[in-house]
Amino acid sequence: MKLTTILCCAWLIFFGISAAVWALTGFDLLALLTFGSAVAYRALLTLAGVGALWLLFWLIAFRPTHELR
């Protein structure tokens, strides 16, 4: 479970960096990685959504910030 959480965090960080590069420069890093394939591009976006849902579940179920109160 810890490995899954680390992988989801890493993927979302990469997705955020590539989105920032696209927003600032107009260069689409994900399109470069998928060689322009719309199916592969959407698959990567879907993985980002699944990673975000996993982290939302992890934050609700395990409450890692509960001790910060």
Protein backbone atom coordinates (compact mmCIF):
# COMPACT_ATOMS: atom_id res chain seq x y z
CA MET A 1 0.00 0.00 0.00
CA LYS A 2 2.89 2.33 0.75
CA LEU A 3 4.44 1.63 -2.66
CA THR A 4 1.14 2.34 -4.40
CA THR A 5 0.86 5.66 -2.60
CA ILE A 6 4.43 6.63 -3.49
CA LEU A 7 3.87 5.71 -7.15
CA CYS A 8 0.63 7.71 -7.29
CA CYS A 9 2.35 10.72 -5.74
CA ALA A 10 5.24 10.45 -8.19
CA TRP A 11 2.88 10.19 -11.16
CA LEU A 12 0.85 13.20 -10.04
CA ILE A 13 4.01 15.23 -9.51
CA PHE A 14 5.17 14.34 -13.03
CA PHE A 15 1.73 15.17 -14.42
CA GLY A 16 1.76 18.52 -12.62
CA ILE A 17 5.22 19.38 -13.94
CA SER A 18 4.26 18.48 -17.49
CA ALA A 19 1.06 20.54 -17.16
CA ALA A 20 3.09 23.50 -15.91
CA VAL A 21 5.53 23.15 -18.82
CA TRP A 22 2.61 23.09 -21.25
CA ALA A 23 0.97 26.11 -19.60
CA LEU A 24 4.16 28.19 -19.55
CA THR A 25 5.69 27.24 -22.90
CA GLY A 26 2.99 25.64 -25.02
CA PHE A 27 5.11 22.47 -25.35
CA ASP A 28 3.02 19.38 -24.59
CA LEU A 29 5.32 16.89 -22.87
CA LEU A 30 2.67 14.17 -22.63
CA ALA A 31 2.02 14.36 -26.37
CA LEU A 32 5.73 13.93 -26.94
CA LEU A 33 5.84 10.87 -24.67
CA THR A 34 2.84 9.28 -26.37
CA PHE A 35 4.11 10.09 -29.89
CA GLY A 36 0.86 11.91 -30.64
CA SER A 37 -1.39 8.90 -29.99
CA ALA A 38 -4.74 10.09 -28.66
CA VAL A 39 -5.47 6.71 -27.04
CA ALA A 40 -2.15 6.65 -25.16
CA TYR A 41 -2.59 10.32 -24.19
CA ARG A 42 -6.01 9.61 -22.70
CA ALA A 43 -4.64 6.52 -20.94
CA LEU A 44 -2.01 8.67 -19.22
CA LEU A 45 -4.67 11.19 -18.21
CA THR A 46 -6.78 8.33 -16.85
CA LEU A 47 -3.84 7.11 -14.78
CA ALA A 48 -3.53 10.60 -13.30
CA GLY A 49 -7.23 10.49 -12.34
CA VAL A 50 -6.86 7.06 -10.74
CA GLY A 51 -3.79 8.26 -8.85
CA ALA A 52 -5.69 11.28 -7.54
CA LEU A 53 -8.60 9.09 -6.44
CA TRP A 54 -6.21 6.70 -4.69
CA LEU A 55 -4.58 9.56 -2.78
CA LEU A 56 -7.98 10.95 -1.83
CA PHE A 57 -8.95 7.52 -0.47
CA TRP A 58 -5.63 7.25 1.37
CA LEU A 59 -6.05 10.67 2.98
CA ILE A 60 -9.60 9.86 4.13
CA ALA A 61 -8.96 6.29 5.27
CA PHE A 62 -5.63 6.70 7.06
CA ARG A 63 -5.74 10.36 8.11
CA PRO A 64 -1.99 11.02 8.03
CA THR A 65 -2.54 14.60 9.19
CA HIS A 66 -4.70 13.64 12.19
CA GLU A 67 -1.77 14.04 14.63
CA LEU A 68 -1.06 17.60 13.46
CA ARG A 69 -3.95 19.02 15.49
